[in-house]
């Protein structure tokens, strides 16, 4: 008599293995300006990431916190990725969602977490105003670049002031603390965590 396996469990196990591989690749081949890891060792499907603003850009003084929620059938479907840090950008919605083709119709199972985060980081300096998530930012980027740059700086300056306030009051975490926290969770467990119901 042959036993039948639950297809959902098999899919989840495949996703866990793939996420473990993505995590191992990020740990063994770190990408400058990018840190990412699961929020906890109990749930590999929820990650935090920190992207440093690309050098020689409007964003270079800032670091951006993102959340990644992976579906149970990853990598067949893309993760849900959002900026937690507020960003004024043509392709980032006010709720932090990102308008990026590889997070939607151009997703491929061959893409991994590292490639995805590199793409999001490069989107900061190379927006696509023809497909806007923030129509005001897109309009300013295309027609009033100086005003666009001023608004981007306002958001970044606000973020830096909030981080400084948090540091002084002892509440919250500085960008360096956040990066260290992400880095500490990148140690690979010896086996994938159990699937959550």
C-alpha atoms as a PDB file:
ATOM      1  CA  UNK A   1       0.000   0.000   0.000  1.00  0.00           C
ATOM      2  CA  UNK A   2       1.554   3.347  -1.066  1.00  0.00           C
ATOM      3  CA  UNK A   3       1.366   6.353   1.181  1.00  0.00           C
ATOM      4  CA  UNK A   4       0.325   9.679  -0.307  1.00  0.00           C
ATOM      5  CA  UNK A   5       1.978  12.889   0.784  1.00  0.00           C
ATOM      6  CA  UNK A   6       0.093  16.089   1.359  1.00  0.00           C
ATOM      7  CA  UNK A   7       0.897  18.413  -1.580  1.00  0.00           C
ATOM      8  CA  UNK A   8       0.695  21.503   0.655  1.00  0.00           C
ATOM      9  CA  UNK A   9       3.294  20.062   3.031  1.00  0.00           C
ATOM     10  CA  UNK A  10       5.554  19.183   0.095  1.00  0.00           C
ATOM     11  CA  UNK A  11       5.226  22.714  -1.333  1.00  0.00           C
ATOM     12  CA  UNK A  12       5.964  24.258   2.073  1.00  0.00           C
ATOM     13  CA  UNK A  13       9.031  22.053   2.529  1.00  0.00           C
ATOM     14  CA  UNK A  14      10.277  23.060  -0.937  1.00  0.00           C
ATOM     15  CA  UNK A  15       9.797  26.729  -0.039  1.00  0.00           C
ATOM     16  CA  UNK A  16      11.642  26.270   3.259  1.00  0.00           C
ATOM     17  CA  UNK A  17      14.572  24.589   1.525  1.00  0.00           C
ATOM     18  CA  UNK A  18      14.756  27.348  -1.065  1.00  0.00           C
ATOM     19  CA  UNK A  19      14.611  30.083   1.598  1.00  0.00           C
ATOM     20  CA  UNK A  20      17.379  28.328   3.544  1.00  0.00           C
ATOM     21  CA  UNK A  21      19.462  28.327   0.365  1.00  0.00           C
ATOM     22  CA  UNK A  22      18.752  32.031  -0.255  1.00  0.00           C
ATOM     23  CA  UNK A  23      19.752  32.801   3.332  1.00  0.00           C
ATOM     24  CA  UNK A  24      22.950  30.766   3.037  1.00  0.00           C
ATOM     25  CA  UNK A  25      23.844  32.550  -0.231  1.00  0.00           C
ATOM     26  CA  UNK A  26      23.307  35.955   1.384  1.00  0.00           C
ATOM     27  CA  UNK A  27      25.462  34.950   4.359  1.00  0.00           C
ATOM     28  CA  UNK A  28      28.288  33.433   2.330  1.00  0.00           C
ATOM     29  CA  UNK A  29      28.218  36.038  -0.464  1.00  0.00           C
ATOM     30  CA  UNK A  30      27.187  39.291   1.219  1.00  0.00           C
ATOM     31  CA  UNK A  31      26.159  42.172  -1.026  1.00  0.00           C
ATOM     32  CA  UNK A  32      27.392  45.616  -0.019  1.00  0.00           C
ATOM     33  CA  UNK A  33      24.578  47.784   1.294  1.00  0.00           C
ATOM     34  CA  UNK A  34      22.175  44.881   1.849  1.00  0.00           C
ATOM     35  CA  UNK A  35      21.343  42.930   5.011  1.00  0.00           C
ATOM     36  CA  UNK A  36      18.456  40.477   5.243  1.00  0.00           C
ATOM     37  CA  UNK A  37      17.409  37.570   7.422  1.00  0.00           C
ATOM     38  CA  UNK A  38      14.338  35.875   8.885  1.00  0.00           C
ATOM     39  CA  UNK A  39      12.743  37.751  11.785  1.00  0.00           C
ATOM     40  CA  UNK A  40      13.087  34.631  13.933  1.00  0.00           C
ATOM     41  CA  UNK A  41      14.449  31.113  13.639  1.00  0.00           C
ATOM     42  CA  UNK A  42      10.894  29.831  14.135  1.00  0.00           C
ATOM     43  CA  UNK A  43       9.518  31.324  10.922  1.00  0.00           C
ATOM     44  CA  UNK A  44      11.617  31.424   7.769  1.00  0.00           C
ATOM     45  CA  UNK A  45       8.708  32.902   5.792  1.00  0.00           C
ATOM     46  CA  UNK A  46       9.011  36.389   7.350  1.00  0.00           C
ATOM     47  CA  UNK A  47      12.172  38.423   6.858  1.00  0.00           C
ATOM     48  CA  UNK A  48      13.462  41.898   7.587  1.00  0.00           C
ATOM     49  CA  UNK A  49      15.898  43.644   5.295  1.00  0.00           C
ATOM     50  CA  UNK A  50      17.936  46.815   5.535  1.00  0.00           C
ATOM     51  CA  UNK A  51      19.106  48.574   2.400  1.00  0.00           C
ATOM     52  CA  UNK A  52      21.683  51.339   2.559  1.00  0.00           C
ATOM     53  CA  UNK A  53      20.987  54.183   0.177  1.00  0.00           C
ATOM     54  CA  UNK A  54      23.226  53.835  -2.887  1.00  0.00           C
ATOM     55  CA  UNK A  55      26.412  55.938  -2.755  1.00  0.00           C
ATOM     56  CA  UNK A  56      26.547  59.199  -4.685  1.00  0.00           C
ATOM     57  CA  UNK A  57      22.764  59.408  -4.758  1.00  0.00           C
ATOM     58  CA  UNK A  58      20.036  61.393  -3.008  1.00  0.00           C
ATOM     59  CA  UNK A  59      19.540  58.387  -0.746  1.00  0.00           C
ATOM     60  CA  UNK A  60      23.146  57.794   0.357  1.00  0.00           C
ATOM     61  CA  UNK A  61      22.734  59.058   3.938  1.00  0.00           C
ATOM     62  CA  UNK A  62      19.726  56.868   4.624  1.00  0.00           C
ATOM     63  CA  UNK A  63      19.075  53.235   5.387  1.00  0.00           C
ATOM     64  CA  UNK A  64      15.729  51.641   4.640  1.00  0.00           C
ATOM     65  CA  UNK A  65      13.962  48.889   6.557  1.00  0.00           C
ATOM     66  CA  UNK A  66      11.790  46.482   4.558  1.00  0.00           C
ATOM     67  CA  UNK A  67       9.650  43.476   5.379  1.00  0.00           C
ATOM     68  CA  UNK A  68       9.447  40.399   3.164  1.00  0.00           C
ATOM     69  CA  UNK A  69       6.636  37.868   3.542  1.00  0.00           C
ATOM     70  CA  UNK A  70       7.148  34.756   1.477  1.00  0.00           C
ATOM     71  CA  UNK A  71       4.253  32.608   0.254  1.00  0.00           C
ATOM     72  CA  UNK A  72       4.116  28.905   1.096  1.00  0.00           C
ATOM     73  CA  UNK A  73       4.798  28.146  -2.588  1.00  0.00           C
ATOM     74  CA  UNK A  74       7.908  30.338  -2.913  1.00  0.00           C
ATOM     75  CA  UNK A  75       9.759  30.548  -5.315  1.00  0.00           C
ATOM     76  CA  UNK A  76       6.810  29.927  -7.651  1.00  0.00           C
ATOM     77  CA  UNK A  77       5.306  33.218  -6.465  1.00  0.00           C
ATOM     78  CA  UNK A  78       7.078  36.375  -5.283  1.00  0.00           C
ATOM     79  CA  UNK A  79       7.210  37.590  -1.707  1.00  0.00           C
ATOM     80  CA  UNK A  80       5.158  40.533  -0.494  1.00  0.00           C
ATOM     81  CA  UNK A  81       7.792  43.240   0.032  1.00  0.00           C
ATOM     82  CA  UNK A  82       7.154  46.581   1.730  1.00  0.00           C
ATOM     83  CA  UNK A  83       9.223  49.513   2.881  1.00  0.00           C
ATOM     84  CA  UNK A  84       8.733  50.155   6.598  1.00  0.00           C
ATOM     85  CA  UNK A  85      10.816  53.333   6.301  1.00  0.00           C
ATOM     86  CA  UNK A  86       8.843  56.124   4.637  1.00  0.00           C
ATOM     87  CA  UNK A  87      10.191  56.932   1.170  1.00  0.00           C
ATOM     88  CA  UNK A  88       9.194  59.598  -1.349  1.00  0.00           C
ATOM     89  CA  UNK A  89       9.655  57.789  -4.656  1.00  0.00           C
ATOM     90  CA  UNK A  90       7.713  57.377  -7.922  1.00  0.00           C
ATOM     91  CA  UNK A  91       7.486  53.575  -7.554  1.00  0.00           C
ATOM     92  CA  UNK A  92       6.753  53.269  -3.830  1.00  0.00           C
ATOM     93  CA  UNK A  93       3.189  53.592  -2.529  1.00  0.00           C
ATOM     94  CA  UNK A  94       2.470  55.550   0.635  1.00  0.00           C
ATOM     95  CA  UNK A  95       1.896  52.238   2.487  1.00  0.00           C
ATOM     96  CA  UNK A  96       5.398  51.069   1.512  1.00  0.00           C
ATOM     97  CA  UNK A  97       4.322  48.654  -1.252  1.00  0.00           C
ATOM     98  CA  UNK A  98       6.585  48.622  -4.294  1.00  0.00           C
ATOM     99  CA  UNK A  99       5.629  48.882  -7.951  1.00  0.00           C
ATOM    100  CA  UNK A 100       8.313  46.729  -9.561  1.00  0.00           C
ATOM    101  CA  UNK A 101       7.742  44.318 -12.446  1.00  0.00           C
ATOM    102  CA  UNK A 102       9.735  41.451 -10.904  1.00  0.00           C
ATOM    103  CA  UNK A 103       7.434  41.570  -7.858  1.00  0.00           C
ATOM    104  CA  UNK A 104       4.463  41.065 -10.158  1.00  0.00           C
ATOM    105  CA  UNK A 105       4.123  39.788 -13.724  1.00  0.00           C
ATOM    106  CA  UNK A 106       7.860  39.419 -14.396  1.00  0.00           C
ATOM    107  CA  UNK A 107       8.615  37.297 -11.341  1.00  0.00           C
ATOM    108  CA  UNK A 108      10.665  34.184 -12.064  1.00  0.00           C
ATOM    109  CA  UNK A 109      11.418  31.235  -9.803  1.00  0.00           C
ATOM    110  CA  UNK A 110      15.090  31.691 -10.719  1.00  0.00           C
ATOM    111  CA  UNK A 111      15.181  35.008  -8.816  1.00  0.00           C
ATOM    112  CA  UNK A 112      16.397  34.871  -5.230  1.00  0.00           C
ATOM    113  CA  UNK A 113      16.285  37.201  -2.228  1.00  0.00           C
ATOM    114  CA  UNK A 114      19.677  38.724  -3.004  1.00  0.00           C
ATOM    115  CA  UNK A 115      18.762  39.549  -6.621  1.00  0.00           C
ATOM    116  CA  UNK A 116      15.410  40.953  -5.542  1.00  0.00           C
ATOM    117  CA  UNK A 117      16.951  43.274  -2.943  1.00  0.00           C
ATOM    118  CA  UNK A 118      19.639  44.453  -5.378  1.00  0.00           C
ATOM    119  CA  UNK A 119      16.847  45.346  -7.828  1.00  0.00           C
ATOM    120  CA  UNK A 120      14.878  47.242  -5.178  1.00  0.00           C
ATOM    121  CA  UNK A 121      17.992  49.128  -4.094  1.00  0.00           C
ATOM    122  CA  UNK A 122      18.776  50.134  -7.682  1.00  0.00           C
ATOM    123  CA  UNK A 123      15.140  51.224  -8.149  1.00  0.00           C
ATOM    124  CA  UNK A 124      15.786  53.973  -5.580  1.00  0.00           C
ATOM    125  CA  UNK A 125      18.136  55.766  -7.975  1.00  0.00           C
ATOM    126  CA  UNK A 126      16.575  54.590 -11.231  1.00  0.00           C
ATOM    127  CA  UNK A 127      12.797  55.033 -10.909  1.00  0.00           C
ATOM    128  CA  UNK A 128      10.250  54.270 -13.607  1.00  0.00           C
ATOM    129  CA  UNK A 129       7.925  57.303 -13.614  1.00  0.00           C
ATOM    130  CA  UNK A 130       5.904  55.774 -16.473  1.00  0.00           C
ATOM    131  CA  UNK A 131       4.494  53.235 -13.987  1.00  0.00           C
ATOM    132  CA  UNK A 132       3.922  55.383 -10.903  1.00  0.00           C
ATOM    133  CA  UNK A 133       2.852  54.229  -7.471  1.00  0.00           C
ATOM    134  CA  UNK A 134       3.176  57.791  -6.181  1.00  0.00           C
ATOM    135  CA  UNK A 135       1.862  60.099  -8.912  1.00  0.00           C
ATOM    136  CA  UNK A 136       3.102  63.257  -7.186  1.00  0.00           C
ATOM    137  CA  UNK A 137       6.652  61.893  -6.922  1.00  0.00           C
ATOM    138  CA  UNK A 138       6.527  60.745 -10.554  1.00  0.00           C
ATOM    139  CA  UNK A 139       5.328  64.145 -11.767  1.00  0.00           C
ATOM    140  CA  UNK A 140       8.001  66.001  -9.793  1.00  0.00           C
ATOM    141  CA  UNK A 141      10.703  63.554 -10.939  1.00  0.00           C
ATOM    142  CA  UNK A 142       9.795  64.133 -14.590  1.00  0.00           C
ATOM    143  CA  UNK A 143       8.982  67.855 -14.573  1.00  0.00           C
ATOM    144  CA  UNK A 144      10.465  69.496 -11.482  1.00  0.00           C
ATOM    145  CA  UNK A 145      13.568  67.514 -10.542  1.00  0.00           C
ATOM    146  CA  UNK A 146      14.799  70.039  -7.986  1.00  0.00           C
ATOM    147  CA  UNK A 147      11.482  69.893  -6.113  1.00  0.00           C
ATOM    148  CA  UNK A 148      11.588  66.084  -6.263  1.00  0.00           C
ATOM    149  CA  UNK A 149      15.081  66.050  -4.769  1.00  0.00           C
ATOM    150  CA  UNK A 150      13.989  68.457  -2.026  1.00  0.00           C
ATOM    151  CA  UNK A 151      11.066  66.184  -1.057  1.00  0.00           C
ATOM    152  CA  UNK A 152      13.292  63.097  -1.004  1.00  0.00           C
ATOM    153  CA  UNK A 153      15.723  64.938   1.279  1.00  0.00           C
ATOM    154  CA  UNK A 154      12.864  66.004   3.590  1.00  0.00           C
ATOM    155  CA  UNK A 155      11.856  62.370   4.071  1.00  0.00           C
ATOM    156  CA  UNK A 156      15.462  61.292   4.689  1.00  0.00           C
ATOM    157  CA  UNK A 157      16.146  64.181   7.086  1.00  0.00           C
ATOM    158  CA  UNK A 158      12.961  63.294   8.995  1.00  0.00           C
ATOM    159  CA  UNK A 159      14.113  59.668   9.256  1.00  0.00           C
ATOM    160  CA  UNK A 160      17.567  60.700  10.505  1.00  0.00           C
ATOM    161  CA  UNK A 161      16.039  63.059  13.101  1.00  0.00           C
ATOM    162  CA  UNK A 162      13.720  60.289  14.355  1.00  0.00           C
ATOM    163  CA  UNK A 163      16.653  57.871  14.633  1.00  0.00           C
ATOM    164  CA  UNK A 164      18.674  60.484  16.537  1.00  0.00           C
ATOM    165  CA  UNK A 165      15.739  61.095  18.900  1.00  0.00           C
ATOM    166  CA  UNK A 166      15.405  57.350  19.479  1.00  0.00           C
ATOM    167  CA  UNK A 167      19.131  57.037  20.176  1.00  0.00           C
ATOM    168  CA  UNK A 168      19.104  59.914  22.675  1.00  0.00           C
ATOM    169  CA  UNK A 169      16.035  58.683  24.546  1.00  0.00           C
ATOM    170  CA  UNK A 170      17.315  55.107  24.586  1.00  0.00           C
ATOM    171  CA  UNK A 171      14.207  53.860  22.771  1.00  0.00           C
ATOM    172  CA  UNK A 172      14.217  52.286  19.359  1.00  0.00           C
ATOM    173  CA  UNK A 173      17.316  51.207  17.489  1.00  0.00           C
ATOM    174  CA  UNK A 174      19.796  53.059  15.363  1.00  0.00           C
ATOM    175  CA  UNK A 175      20.423  51.888  11.805  1.00  0.00           C
ATOM    176  CA  UNK A 176      23.659  50.234  12.973  1.00  0.00           C
ATOM    177  CA  UNK A 177      21.804  48.371  15.734  1.00  0.00           C
ATOM    178  CA  UNK A 178      19.169  47.252  13.226  1.00  0.00           C
ATOM    179  CA  UNK A 179      21.866  45.962  10.854  1.00  0.00           C
ATOM    180  CA  UNK A 180      23.585  44.113  13.675  1.00  0.00           C
ATOM    181  CA  UNK A 181      20.241  42.603  14.674  1.00  0.00           C
ATOM    182  CA  UNK A 182      19.586  41.423  11.114  1.00  0.00           C
ATOM    183  CA  UNK A 183      23.135  40.066  10.876  1.00  0.00           C
ATOM    184  CA  UNK A 184      22.782  38.038  14.088  1.00  0.00           C
ATOM    185  CA  UNK A 185      19.830  36.116  12.692  1.00  0.00           C
ATOM    186  CA  UNK A 186      21.691  35.016   9.559  1.00  0.00           C
ATOM    187  CA  UNK A 187      23.262  31.965  11.186  1.00  0.00           C
ATOM    188  CA  UNK A 188      21.824  29.011   9.320  1.00  0.00           C
ATOM    189  CA  UNK A 189      19.924  26.506  11.400  1.00  0.00           C
ATOM    190  CA  UNK A 190      20.979  22.927  10.776  1.00  0.00           C
ATOM    191  CA  UNK A 191      17.555  22.018   9.429  1.00  0.00           C
ATOM    192  CA  UNK A 192      14.553  23.937   8.109  1.00  0.00           C
ATOM    193  CA  UNK A 193      12.066  25.004  10.761  1.00  0.00           C
ATOM    194  CA  UNK A 194       8.828  23.084  10.992  1.00  0.00           C
ATOM    195  CA  UNK A 195       6.032  24.298   8.766  1.00  0.00           C
ATOM    196  CA  UNK A 196       3.583  26.571  10.520  1.00  0.00           C
ATOM    197  CA  UNK A 197      -0.121  25.867  10.212  1.00  0.00           C
END
